[in-house]
Protein backbone atom coordinates (compact mmCIF):
# COMPACT_ATOMS: atom_id res chain seq x y z
CA MET A 1 15.50 -19.34 16.00
CA MET A 2 12.91 -19.51 13.32
CA GLY A 3 14.92 -19.54 10.09
CA PHE A 4 13.20 -20.00 6.76
CA GLY A 5 15.29 -22.53 4.49
CA PHE A 6 14.42 -23.87 1.01
CA PRO A 7 12.07 -26.63 2.20
CA GLU A 8 9.98 -24.25 4.31
CA LEU A 9 9.73 -21.70 1.43
CA ILE A 10 8.57 -24.44 -1.01
CA PHE A 11 5.99 -25.62 1.58
CA ILE A 12 4.58 -22.07 1.94
CA LEU A 13 4.44 -21.60 -1.84
CA VAL A 14 2.59 -24.88 -2.26
CA ILE A 15 0.00 -23.94 0.40
CA ILE A 16 -0.52 -20.53 -1.27
CA PHE A 17 -0.88 -22.31 -4.54
CA VAL A 18 -3.59 -24.52 -3.12
CA ILE A 19 -5.41 -21.71 -1.44
CA PHE A 20 -5.58 -19.33 -4.41
CA GLY A 21 -5.21 -21.58 -7.31
CA ALA A 22 -3.14 -21.17 -10.44
CA GLY A 23 -5.68 -18.72 -12.02
CA LYS A 24 -5.58 -16.09 -9.38
CA LEU A 25 -1.74 -16.02 -8.55
CA PRO A 26 -0.89 -13.53 -11.31
CA GLY A 27 -3.65 -11.18 -10.20
CA LEU A 28 -2.48 -11.64 -6.64
CA GLY A 29 1.09 -10.85 -7.51
CA GLU A 30 0.00 -7.86 -9.51
CA ALA A 31 -2.14 -6.49 -6.60
CA ILE A 32 0.82 -6.86 -4.09
CA GLY A 33 3.21 -5.16 -6.51
CA LYS A 34 0.81 -2.11 -6.97
CA GLY A 35 0.36 -1.98 -3.30
CA ILE A 36 4.08 -1.89 -2.55
CA LYS A 37 4.55 0.73 -5.39
CA ASN A 38 1.84 2.98 -3.93
CA PHE A 39 3.28 2.63 -0.37
CA LYS A 40 6.83 3.64 -1.57
CA LYS A 41 5.33 6.51 -3.50
CA ALA A 42 3.38 7.76 -0.46
CA TYR A 43 6.36 7.29 1.84
CA LYS A 44 8.71 9.47 -0.37
CA GLU A 45 6.21 12.29 -1.11
CA PRO A 46 6.39 15.09 1.55
CA ASP A 47 3.37 16.04 3.44
CA ILE A 48 1.99 19.15 1.71
CA THR A 49 -0.20 21.36 4.08
CA ASP A 50 -1.24 24.73 2.74
CA ILE A 51 -1.03 27.26 5.60
CA THR A 52 -1.32 30.45 3.52
CA PRO A 53 -4.07 32.73 4.65
CA PRO A 54 -6.87 33.58 2.35
CA LYS A 55 -6.44 36.68 0.23
CA ASP A 56 -9.15 38.73 2.02
CA GLY A 57 -7.37 38.16 5.45
CA LYS A 58 -10.52 36.60 7.04
CA ALA A 59 -10.40 33.02 8.34
CA ASN A 60 -13.33 31.02 7.34
CA ASP A 61 -13.83 28.54 10.20
CA LYS A 62 -17.42 27.76 9.42
CA PRO A 63 -18.37 25.32 6.67
CA SER A 64 -20.58 26.65 4.01
CA GLN A 65 -24.16 25.29 3.75
């Protein structure tokens, strides 16, 4: 199987360091963290769909111009 040990992890981290550089790694980590946080927030929130009819009782299917 394809297991990741300590040497493989170090190799991947060195490649990432070479590609992005030391200056961009903190920003990259922050962006990934925000993305994961937003994903978890969106996953936990229920879908809200307003299906209450309008007060006048008429459906407005045509968009206003």
